[in-house]
């Protein structure tokens, strides 16, 4: 699960309840980002609401220290000039070429 719009202890607790084993995200407060970067910790066991549940709802968590951006060679809705055309019957088919551009 990649969380694009923030997170909370309640989210992590619910994800653990649903059986998720891991959570990955990038968006966080600048204070938390600085603290994690200084300690060089990007992977940890999150124990949401540990004051209520102890470590029974642990969820493996990894923080990515980069922005949400597609690879530079990929088009999106703002730059669709050379999007991926995966239909081999389309005369603009380019899936094979685009896959090698990663």
PDB file of N, CA and C in Angstrom:
ATOM      1  N   UNK A   1       0.850  -1.171   0.000  1.00  0.00           N
ATOM      2  CA  UNK A   1       0.000   0.000   0.000  1.00  0.00           C
ATOM      3  C   UNK A   1       0.890   1.226   0.000  1.00  0.00           C
ATOM      4  N   UNK A   2       0.707   2.088  -0.937  1.00  0.00           N
ATOM      5  CA  UNK A   2       1.446   3.344  -0.977  1.00  0.00           C
ATOM      6  C   UNK A   2       0.454   4.451  -0.657  1.00  0.00           C
ATOM      7  N   UNK A   3       0.759   5.213   0.369  1.00  0.00           N
ATOM      8  CA  UNK A   3      -0.133   6.252   0.846  1.00  0.00           C
ATOM      9  C   UNK A   3       0.321   7.589   0.280  1.00  0.00           C
ATOM     10  N   UNK A   4      -0.480   8.192  -0.570  1.00  0.00           N
ATOM     11  CA  UNK A   4      -0.075   9.422  -1.239  1.00  0.00           C
ATOM     12  C   UNK A   4      -0.492  10.691  -0.510  1.00  0.00           C
ATOM     13  N   UNK A   5      -1.312  10.604   0.513  1.00  0.00           N
ATOM     14  CA  UNK A   5      -1.832  11.823   1.113  1.00  0.00           C
ATOM     15  C   UNK A   5      -1.746  11.848   2.632  1.00  0.00           C
ATOM     16  N   UNK A   6      -0.649  11.382   3.156  1.00  0.00           N
ATOM     17  CA  UNK A   6      -0.464  11.457   4.592  1.00  0.00           C
ATOM     18  C   UNK A   6      -0.889  10.176   5.289  1.00  0.00           C
ATOM     19  N   UNK A   7      -0.725  10.164   6.600  1.00  0.00           N
ATOM     20  CA  UNK A   7      -0.982   8.961   7.364  1.00  0.00           C
ATOM     21  C   UNK A   7      -1.182   9.355   8.818  1.00  0.00           C
ATOM     22  N   UNK A   8      -1.726   8.444   9.573  1.00  0.00           N
ATOM     23  CA  UNK A   8      -1.920   8.691  10.993  1.00  0.00           C
ATOM     24  C   UNK A   8      -1.802   7.368  11.730  1.00  0.00           C
ATOM     25  N   UNK A   9      -1.736   7.436  13.047  1.00  0.00           N
ATOM     26  CA  UNK A   9      -1.707   6.208  13.833  1.00  0.00           C
ATOM     27  C   UNK A   9      -2.979   5.407  13.605  1.00  0.00           C
ATOM     28  N   UNK A  10      -4.092   6.112  13.427  1.00  0.00           N
ATOM     29  CA  UNK A  10      -5.350   5.402  13.193  1.00  0.00           C
ATOM     30  C   UNK A  10      -5.292   4.629  11.878  1.00  0.00           C
ATOM     31  N   UNK A  11      -4.711   5.236  10.828  1.00  0.00           N
ATOM     32  CA  UNK A  11      -4.554   4.507   9.561  1.00  0.00           C
ATOM     33  C   UNK A  11      -3.729   3.251   9.765  1.00  0.00           C
ATOM     34  N   UNK A  12      -2.583   3.395  10.408  1.00  0.00           N
ATOM     35  CA  UNK A  12      -1.692   2.257  10.615  1.00  0.00           C
ATOM     36  C   UNK A  12      -2.380   1.184  11.462  1.00  0.00           C
ATOM     37  N   UNK A  13      -3.133   1.590  12.457  1.00  0.00           N
ATOM     38  CA  UNK A  13      -3.842   0.624  13.310  1.00  0.00           C
ATOM     39  C   UNK A  13      -4.886  -0.126  12.496  1.00  0.00           C
ATOM     40  N   UNK A  14      -5.636   0.592  11.667  1.00  0.00           N
ATOM     41  CA  UNK A  14      -6.636  -0.061  10.824  1.00  0.00           C
ATOM     42  C   UNK A  14      -5.990  -0.993   9.802  1.00  0.00           C
ATOM     43  N   UNK A  15      -4.892  -0.560   9.202  1.00  0.00           N
ATOM     44  CA  UNK A  15      -4.208  -1.417   8.232  1.00  0.00           C
ATOM     45  C   UNK A  15      -3.743  -2.705   8.899  1.00  0.00           C
ATOM     46  N   UNK A  16      -3.231  -2.607  10.124  1.00  0.00           N
ATOM     47  CA  UNK A  16      -2.810  -3.805  10.854  1.00  0.00           C
ATOM     48  C   UNK A  16      -4.018  -4.697  11.139  1.00  0.00           C
ATOM     49  N   UNK A  17      -5.147  -4.092  11.502  1.00  0.00           N
ATOM     50  CA  UNK A  17      -6.380  -4.858  11.729  1.00  0.00           C
ATOM     51  C   UNK A  17      -6.822  -5.593  10.456  1.00  0.00           C
ATOM     52  N   UNK A  18      -6.659  -4.943   9.315  1.00  0.00           N
ATOM     53  CA  UNK A  18      -7.066  -5.540   8.037  1.00  0.00           C
ATOM     54  C   UNK A  18      -6.092  -6.616   7.565  1.00  0.00           C
ATOM     55  N   UNK A  19      -4.980  -6.781   8.283  1.00  0.00           N
ATOM     56  CA  UNK A  19      -4.026  -7.816   7.913  1.00  0.00           C
ATOM     57  C   UNK A  19      -2.866  -7.329   7.071  1.00  0.00           C
ATOM     58  N   UNK A  20      -2.772  -6.010   6.854  1.00  0.00           N
ATOM     59  CA  UNK A  20      -1.623  -5.495   6.116  1.00  0.00           C
ATOM     60  C   UNK A  20      -0.368  -5.799   6.929  1.00  0.00           C
ATOM     61  N   UNK A  21       0.676  -6.167   6.252  1.00  0.00           N
ATOM     62  CA  UNK A  21       1.927  -6.452   6.933  1.00  0.00           C
ATOM     63  C   UNK A  21       2.919  -5.304   6.806  1.00  0.00           C
ATOM     64  N   UNK A  22       2.712  -4.429   5.825  1.00  0.00           N
ATOM     65  CA  UNK A  22       3.666  -3.347   5.593  1.00  0.00           C
ATOM     66  C   UNK A  22       2.952  -2.116   5.079  1.00  0.00           C
ATOM     67  N   UNK A  23       3.606  -0.980   5.280  1.00  0.00           N
ATOM     68  CA  UNK A  23       3.088   0.314   4.832  1.00  0.00           C
ATOM     69  C   UNK A  23       4.272   1.124   4.318  1.00  0.00           C
ATOM     70  N   UNK A  24       4.085   1.762   3.173  1.00  0.00           N
ATOM     71  CA  UNK A  24       5.153   2.554   2.567  1.00  0.00           C
ATOM     72  C   UNK A  24       4.593   3.941   2.275  1.00  0.00           C
ATOM     73  N   UNK A  25       5.353   4.966   2.601  1.00  0.00           N
ATOM     74  CA  UNK A  25       4.886   6.316   2.313  1.00  0.00           C
ATOM     75  C   UNK A  25       6.061   7.272   2.187  1.00  0.00           C
ATOM     76  N   UNK A  26       5.761   8.466   1.709  1.00  0.00           N
ATOM     77  CA  UNK A  26       6.789   9.479   1.568  1.00  0.00           C
ATOM     78  C   UNK A  26       6.385  10.778   2.267  1.00  0.00           C
ATOM     79  N   UNK A  27       5.136  11.117   2.239  1.00  0.00           N
ATOM     80  CA  UNK A  27       4.696  12.389   2.799  1.00  0.00           C
ATOM     81  C   UNK A  27       4.642  12.318   4.316  1.00  0.00           C
ATOM     82  N   UNK A  28       5.339  13.238   4.965  1.00  0.00           N
ATOM     83  CA  UNK A  28       5.350  13.301   6.420  1.00  0.00           C
ATOM     84  C   UNK A  28       5.703  14.726   6.839  1.00  0.00           C
ATOM     85  N   UNK A  29       5.605  14.996   8.122  1.00  0.00           N
ATOM     86  CA  UNK A  29       5.957  16.328   8.602  1.00  0.00           C
ATOM     87  C   UNK A  29       7.463  16.542   8.418  1.00  0.00           C
ATOM     88  N   UNK A  30       7.854  17.782   8.234  1.00  0.00           N
ATOM     89  CA  UNK A  30       9.275  18.079   8.029  1.00  0.00           C
ATOM     90  C   UNK A  30      10.094  17.715   9.265  1.00  0.00           C
ATOM     91  N   UNK A  31       9.517  17.853  10.468  1.00  0.00           N
ATOM     92  CA  UNK A  31      10.224  17.470  11.693  1.00  0.00           C
ATOM     93  C   UNK A  31      10.537  15.973  11.704  1.00  0.00           C
ATOM     94  N   UNK A  32       9.551  15.164  11.345  1.00  0.00           N
ATOM     95  CA  UNK A  32       9.761  13.714  11.305  1.00  0.00           C
ATOM     96  C   UNK A  32      10.766  13.346  10.220  1.00  0.00           C
ATOM     97  N   UNK A  33      10.668  14.002   9.077  1.00  0.00           N
ATOM     98  CA  UNK A  33      11.601  13.722   7.971  1.00  0.00           C
ATOM     99  C   UNK A  33      13.044  14.001   8.416  1.00  0.00           C
ATOM    100  N   UNK A  34      13.260  15.142   9.055  1.00  0.00           N
ATOM    101  CA  UNK A  34      14.614  15.509   9.511  1.00  0.00           C
ATOM    102  C   UNK A  34      15.114  14.492  10.527  1.00  0.00           C
ATOM    103  N   UNK A  35      14.245  14.127  11.484  1.00  0.00           N
ATOM    104  CA  UNK A  35      14.643  13.171  12.518  1.00  0.00           C
ATOM    105  C   UNK A  35      15.034  11.821  11.892  1.00  0.00           C
ATOM    106  N   UNK A  36      14.230  11.334  10.950  1.00  0.00           N
ATOM    107  CA  UNK A  36      14.532  10.044  10.314  1.00  0.00           C
ATOM    108  C   UNK A  36      15.791  10.122   9.450  1.00  0.00           C
ATOM    109  N   UNK A  37      15.972  11.237   8.745  1.00  0.00           N
ATOM    110  CA  UNK A  37      17.162  11.371   7.910  1.00  0.00           C
ATOM    111  C   UNK A  37      18.428  11.464   8.764  1.00  0.00           C
ATOM    112  N   UNK A  38      18.343  12.154   9.894  1.00  0.00           N
ATOM    113  CA  UNK A  38      19.510  12.270  10.771  1.00  0.00           C
ATOM    114  C   UNK A  38      19.910  10.920  11.357  1.00  0.00           C
ATOM    115  N   UNK A  39      18.922  10.102  11.691  1.00  0.00           N
ATOM    116  CA  UNK A  39      19.215   8.787  12.273  1.00  0.00           C
ATOM    117  C   UNK A  39      19.393   7.720  11.192  1.00  0.00           C
ATOM    118  N   UNK A  40      19.188   8.125   9.929  1.00  0.00           N
ATOM    119  CA  UNK A  40      19.299   7.197   8.790  1.00  0.00           C
ATOM    120  C   UNK A  40      18.396   5.989   8.965  1.00  0.00           C
ATOM    121  N   UNK A  41      17.211   6.242   9.508  1.00  0.00           N
ATOM    122  CA  UNK A  41      16.216   5.189   9.690  1.00  0.00           C
ATOM    123  C   UNK A  41      15.091   5.401   8.703  1.00  0.00           C
ATOM    124  N   UNK A  42      14.959   4.523   7.752  1.00  0.00           N
ATOM    125  CA  UNK A  42      13.832   4.626   6.833  1.00  0.00           C
ATOM    126  C   UNK A  42      12.897   3.428   6.964  1.00  0.00           C
ATOM    127  N   UNK A  43      13.329   2.390   7.686  1.00  0.00           N
ATOM    128  CA  UNK A  43      12.494   1.204   7.901  1.00  0.00           C
ATOM    129  C   UNK A  43      12.368   0.988   9.414  1.00  0.00           C
ATOM    130  N   UNK A  44      11.133   0.802   9.858  1.00  0.00           N
ATOM    131  CA  UNK A  44      10.921   0.577  11.283  1.00  0.00           C
ATOM    132  C   UNK A  44       9.605  -0.164  11.493  1.00  0.00           C
ATOM    133  N   UNK A  45       9.435  -0.720  12.672  1.00  0.00           N
ATOM    134  CA  UNK A  45       8.164  -1.329  13.050  1.00  0.00           C
ATOM    135  C   UNK A  45       7.319  -0.264  13.730  1.00  0.00           C
ATOM    136  N   UNK A  46       6.218   0.079  13.083  1.00  0.00           N
ATOM    137  CA  UNK A  46       5.316   1.072  13.660  1.00  0.00           C
ATOM    138  C   UNK A  46       4.361   0.322  14.577  1.00  0.00           C
ATOM    139  N   UNK A  47       4.234   0.796  15.787  1.00  0.00           N
ATOM    140  CA  UNK A  47       3.308   0.217  16.752  1.00  0.00           C
ATOM    141  C   UNK A  47       2.241   1.265  17.051  1.00  0.00           C
ATOM    142  N   UNK A  48       1.258   1.400  16.164  1.00  0.00           N
ATOM    143  CA  UNK A  48       0.266   2.452  16.339  1.00  0.00           C
ATOM    144  C   UNK A  48      -0.547   2.238  17.611  1.00  0.00           C
ATOM    145  N   UNK A  49      -0.798   3.351  18.282  1.00  0.00           N
ATOM    146  CA  UNK A  49      -1.591   3.358  19.508  1.00  0.00           C
ATOM    147  C   UNK A  49      -1.084   2.322  20.507  1.00  0.00           C
ATOM    148  N   UNK A  50       0.242   2.268  20.637  1.00  0.00           N
ATOM    149  CA  UNK A  50       0.858   1.258  21.510  1.00  0.00           C
ATOM    150  C   UNK A  50       0.419   1.415  22.971  1.00  0.00           C
ATOM    151  N   UNK A  51       0.002   2.614  23.352  1.00  0.00           N
ATOM    152  CA  UNK A  51      -0.490   2.801  24.724  1.00  0.00           C
ATOM    153  C   UNK A  51      -1.773   1.998  24.969  1.00  0.00           C
ATOM    154  N   UNK A  52      -2.508   1.682  23.890  1.00  0.00           N
ATOM    155  CA  UNK A  52      -3.726   0.878  24.016  1.00  0.00           C
ATOM    156  C   UNK A  52      -3.492  -0.591  23.669  1.00  0.00           C
ATOM    157  N   UNK A  53      -2.681  -0.830  22.617  1.00  0.00           N
ATOM    158  CA  UNK A  53      -2.561  -2.176  22.073  1.00  0.00           C
ATOM    159  C   UNK A  53      -1.188  -2.814  22.280  1.00  0.00           C
ATOM    160  N   UNK A  54      -0.242  -2.116  22.883  1.00  0.00           N
ATOM    161  CA  UNK A  54       1.109  -2.649  23.017  1.00  0.00           C
ATOM    162  C   UNK A  54       1.718  -2.866  21.635  1.00  0.00           C
ATOM    163  N   UNK A  55       2.389  -3.983  21.447  1.00  0.00           N
ATOM    164  CA  UNK A  55       2.991  -4.249  20.130  1.00  0.00           C
ATOM    165  C   UNK A  55       2.161  -5.233  19.311  1.00  0.00           C
ATOM    166  N   UNK A  56       0.888  -5.413  19.670  1.00  0.00           N
ATOM    167  CA  UNK A  56       0.040  -6.385  18.977  1.00  0.00           C
ATOM    168  C   UNK A  56      -0.361  -5.948  17.573  1.00  0.00           C
ATOM    169  N   UNK A  57      -0.176  -4.687  17.254  1.00  0.00           N
ATOM    170  CA  UNK A  57      -0.578  -4.196  15.930  1.00  0.00           C
ATOM    171  C   UNK A  57       0.600  -3.635  15.159  1.00  0.00           C
ATOM    172  N   UNK A  58       1.750  -4.273  15.287  1.00  0.00           N
ATOM    173  CA  UNK A  58       2.936  -3.813  14.573  1.00  0.00           C
ATOM    174  C   UNK A  58       2.718  -3.893  13.069  1.00  0.00           C
ATOM    175  N   UNK A  59       3.268  -2.914  12.368  1.00  0.00           N
ATOM    176  CA  UNK A  59       3.230  -2.935  10.909  1.00  0.00           C
ATOM    177  C   UNK A  59       4.579  -2.419  10.408  1.00  0.00           C
ATOM    178  N   UNK A  60       5.206  -3.215   9.555  1.00  0.00           N
ATOM    179  CA  UNK A  60       6.490  -2.823   8.988  1.00  0.00           C
ATOM    180  C   UNK A  60       6.275  -1.568   8.151  1.00  0.00           C
ATOM    181  N   UNK A  61       7.089  -0.558   8.368  1.00  0.00           N
ATOM    182  CA  UNK A  61       6.894   0.727   7.699  1.00  0.00           C
ATOM    183  C   UNK A  61       8.205   1.189   7.080  1.00  0.00           C
ATOM    184  N   UNK A  62       8.093   1.692   5.857  1.00  0.00           N
ATOM    185  CA  UNK A  62       9.262   2.282   5.208  1.00  0.00           C
ATOM    186  C   UNK A  62       8.898   3.655   4.691  1.00  0.00           C
ATOM    187  N   UNK A  63       9.803   4.590   4.933  1.00  0.00           N
ATOM    188  CA  UNK A  63       9.646   5.958   4.469  1.00  0.00           C
ATOM    189  C   UNK A  63      10.548   6.152   3.265  1.00  0.00           C
ATOM    190  N   UNK A  64       9.979   6.704   2.201  1.00  0.00           N
ATOM    191  CA  UNK A  64      10.771   7.046   1.019  1.00  0.00           C
ATOM    192  C   UNK A  64      11.109   8.520   1.101  1.00  0.00           C
ATOM    193  N   UNK A  65      12.368   8.861   0.866  1.00  0.00           N
ATOM    194  CA  UNK A  65      12.794  10.253   0.969  1.00  0.00           C
ATOM    195  C   UNK A  65      12.842  10.925  -0.395  1.00  0.00           C
ATOM    196  N   UNK A  66      11.872  10.665  -1.256  1.00  0.00           N
ATOM    197  CA  UNK A  66      11.818  11.346  -2.543  1.00  0.00           C
ATOM    198  C   UNK A  66      10.392  11.793  -2.812  1.00  0.00           C
ATOM    199  N   UNK A  67      10.240  12.627  -3.819  1.00  0.00           N
ATOM    200  CA  UNK A  67       8.932  13.171  -4.162  1.00  0.00           C
ATOM    201  C   UNK A  67       8.113  12.168  -4.945  1.00  0.00           C
ATOM    202  N   UNK A  68       6.839  12.484  -5.101  1.00  0.00           N
ATOM    203  CA  UNK A  68       5.949  11.684  -5.920  1.00  0.00           C
ATOM    204  C   UNK A  68       6.059  12.165  -7.354  1.00  0.00           C
ATOM    205  N   UNK A  69       6.839  11.521  -8.127  1.00  0.00           N
ATOM    206  CA  UNK A  69       6.993  11.895  -9.526  1.00  0.00           C
ATOM    207  C   UNK A  69       7.184  10.624 -10.346  1.00  0.00           C
ATOM    208  N   UNK A  70       6.598  10.597 -11.526  1.00  0.00           N
ATOM    209  CA  UNK A  70       6.847   9.447 -12.386  1.00  0.00           C
ATOM    210  C   UNK A  70       8.270   9.523 -12.931  1.00  0.00           C
ATOM    211  N   UNK A  71       8.801   8.414 -13.417  1.00  0.00           N
ATOM    212  CA  UNK A  71      10.117   8.497 -14.052  1.00  0.00           C
ATOM    213  C   UNK A  71      10.098   9.568 -15.134  1.00  0.00           C
ATOM    214  N   UNK A  72      11.185  10.270 -15.349  1.00  0.00           N
ATOM    215  CA  UNK A  72      11.181  11.403 -16.282  1.00  0.00           C
ATOM    216  C   UNK A  72      10.819  11.028 -17.717  1.00  0.00           C
ATOM    217  N   UNK A  73      10.998   9.772 -18.091  1.00  0.00           N
ATOM    218  CA  UNK A  73      10.683   9.379 -19.471  1.00  0.00           C
ATOM    219  C   UNK A  73       9.226   9.000 -19.652  1.00  0.00           C
ATOM    220  N   UNK A  74       8.418   9.037 -18.584  1.00  0.00           N
ATOM    221  CA  UNK A  74       7.025   8.642 -18.699  1.00  0.00           C
ATOM    222  C   UNK A  74       6.109   9.846 -18.772  1.00  0.00           C
ATOM    223  N   UNK A  75       5.152   9.767 -19.664  1.00  0.00           N
ATOM    224  CA  UNK A  75       4.176  10.836 -19.812  1.00  0.00           C
ATOM    225  C   UNK A  75       3.077  10.654 -18.771  1.00  0.00           C
ATOM    226  N   UNK A  76       2.420  11.736 -18.451  1.00  0.00           N
ATOM    227  CA  UNK A  76       1.236  11.677 -17.607  1.00  0.00           C
ATOM    228  C   UNK A  76       0.196  12.594 -18.231  1.00  0.00           C
ATOM    229  N   UNK A  77      -0.860  12.881 -17.515  1.00  0.00           N
ATOM    230  CA  UNK A  77      -1.923  13.698 -18.105  1.00  0.00           C
ATOM    231  C   UNK A  77      -1.466  15.102 -18.467  1.00  0.00           C
ATOM    232  N   UNK A  78      -0.345  15.565 -17.909  1.00  0.00           N
ATOM    233  CA  UNK A  78       0.161  16.899 -18.209  1.00  0.00           C
ATOM    234  C   UNK A  78       1.169  16.890 -19.362  1.00  0.00           C
ATOM    235  N   UNK A  79       1.648  15.714 -19.732  1.00  0.00           N
ATOM    236  CA  UNK A  79       2.657  15.604 -20.781  1.00  0.00           C
ATOM    237  C   UNK A  79       2.415  14.298 -21.533  1.00  0.00           C
ATOM    238  N   UNK A  80       1.347  14.249 -22.306  1.00  0.00           N
ATOM    239  CA  UNK A  80       0.917  12.996 -22.928  1.00  0.00           C
ATOM    240  C   UNK A  80       1.390  12.834 -24.368  1.00  0.00           C
ATOM    241  N   UNK A  81       2.416  13.567 -24.770  1.00  0.00           N
ATOM    242  CA  UNK A  81       2.875  13.470 -26.154  1.00  0.00           C
ATOM    243  C   UNK A  81       3.365  12.079 -26.513  1.00  0.00           C
ATOM    244  N   UNK A  82       4.060  11.425 -25.599  1.00  0.00           N
ATOM    245  CA  UNK A  82       4.601  10.105 -25.891  1.00  0.00           C
ATOM    246  C   UNK A  82       4.188   9.119 -24.815  1.00  0.00           C
ATOM    247  N   UNK A  83       2.880   9.014 -24.583  1.00  0.00           N
ATOM    248  CA  UNK A  83       2.378   8.070 -23.589  1.00  0.00           C
ATOM    249  C   UNK A  83       2.621   6.639 -24.032  1.00  0.00           C
ATOM    250  N   UNK A  84       2.334   5.712 -23.161  1.00  0.00           N
ATOM    251  CA  UNK A  84       2.534   4.304 -23.485  1.00  0.00           C
ATOM    252  C   UNK A  84       1.311   3.792 -24.236  1.00  0.00           C
ATOM    253  N   UNK A  85       1.549   3.297 -25.429  1.00  0.00           N
ATOM    254  CA  UNK A  85       0.496   2.692 -26.243  1.00  0.00           C
ATOM    255  C   UNK A  85       0.766   1.190 -26.254  1.00  0.00           C
ATOM    256  N   UNK A  86      -0.078   0.418 -25.560  1.00  0.00           N
ATOM    257  CA  UNK A  86       0.190  -1.010 -25.406  1.00  0.00           C
ATOM    258  C   UNK A  86      -0.662  -1.900 -26.306  1.00  0.00           C
ATOM    259  N   UNK A  87      -1.429  -1.309 -27.187  1.00  0.00           N
ATOM    260  CA  UNK A  87      -2.237  -2.084 -28.119  1.00  0.00           C
ATOM    261  C   UNK A  87      -1.417  -2.343 -29.384  1.00  0.00           C
ATOM    262  N   UNK A  88      -1.011  -3.601 -29.631  1.00  0.00           N
ATOM    263  CA  UNK A  88      -0.146  -3.879 -30.777  1.00  0.00           C
ATOM    264  C   UNK A  88      -0.799  -3.597 -32.130  1.00  0.00           C
ATOM    265  N   UNK A  89      -2.118  -3.427 -32.169  1.00  0.00           N
ATOM    266  CA  UNK A  89      -2.769  -3.112 -33.444  1.00  0.00           C
ATOM    267  C   UNK A  89      -2.781  -1.608 -33.723  1.00  0.00           C
ATOM    268  N   UNK A  90      -2.413  -0.813 -32.734  1.00  0.00           N
ATOM    269  CA  UNK A  90      -2.353   0.630 -32.921  1.00  0.00           C
ATOM    270  C   UNK A  90      -1.059   0.983 -33.645  1.00  0.00           C
ATOM    271  N   UNK A  91      -1.148   1.852 -34.648  1.00  0.00           N
ATOM    272  CA  UNK A  91       0.040   2.203 -35.421  1.00  0.00           C
ATOM    273  C   UNK A  91       1.081   2.954 -34.584  1.00  0.00           C
ATOM    274  N   UNK A  92       0.685   3.503 -33.424  1.00  0.00           N
ATOM    275  CA  UNK A  92       1.624   4.201 -32.540  1.00  0.00           C
ATOM    276  C   UNK A  92       2.131   3.303 -31.410  1.00  0.00           C
ATOM    277  N   UNK A  93       1.897   1.984 -31.505  1.00  0.00           N
ATOM    278  CA  UNK A  93       2.338   1.041 -30.474  1.00  0.00           C
ATOM    279  C   UNK A  93       3.795   1.312 -30.113  1.00  0.00           C
ATOM    280  N   UNK A  94       4.064   1.430 -28.794  1.00  0.00           N
ATOM    281  CA  UNK A  94       5.428   1.741 -28.368  1.00  0.00           C
ATOM    282  C   UNK A  94       5.800   1.087 -27.037  1.00  0.00           C
ATOM    283  N   UNK A  95       5.044   0.095 -26.622  1.00  0.00           N
ATOM    284  CA  UNK A  95       5.287  -0.514 -25.314  1.00  0.00           C
ATOM    285  C   UNK A  95       6.698  -1.067 -25.177  1.00  0.00           C
ATOM    286  N   UNK A  96       7.164  -1.818 -26.183  1.00  0.00           N
ATOM    287  CA  UNK A  96       8.514  -2.400 -26.098  1.00  0.00           C
ATOM    288  C   UNK A  96       9.577  -1.305 -25.938  1.00  0.00           C
ATOM    289  N   UNK A  97       9.472  -0.269 -26.750  1.00  0.00           N
ATOM    290  CA  UNK A  97      10.449   0.821 -26.687  1.00  0.00           C
ATOM    291  C   UNK A  97      10.381   1.536 -25.344  1.00  0.00           C
ATOM    292  N   UNK A  98       9.179   1.829 -24.877  1.00  0.00           N
ATOM    293  CA  UNK A  98       9.031   2.572 -23.614  1.00  0.00           C
ATOM    294  C   UNK A  98       9.547   1.756 -22.424  1.00  0.00           C
ATOM    295  N   UNK A  99       9.380   0.438 -22.454  1.00  0.00           N
ATOM    296  CA  UNK A  99       9.863  -0.404 -21.356  1.00  0.00           C
ATOM    297  C   UNK A  99      11.386  -0.385 -21.275  1.00  0.00           C
ATOM    298  N   UNK A 100      12.042  -0.228 -22.377  1.00  0.00           N
ATOM    299  CA  UNK A 100      13.511  -0.192 -22.351  1.00  0.00           C
ATOM    300  C   UNK A 100      14.035   1.186 -21.917  1.00  0.00           C
ATOM    301  N   UNK A 101      13.182   2.187 -21.876  1.00  0.00           N
ATOM    302  CA  UNK A 101      13.605   3.538 -21.513  1.00  0.00           C
ATOM    303  C   UNK A 101      13.692   3.753 -20.010  1.00  0.00           C
ATOM    304  N   UNK A 102      13.274   2.788 -19.239  1.00  0.00           N
ATOM    305  CA  UNK A 102      13.367   2.949 -17.788  1.00  0.00           C
ATOM    306  C   UNK A 102      14.788   2.923 -17.385  1.00  0.00           C
TER     307      UNK A 102
END
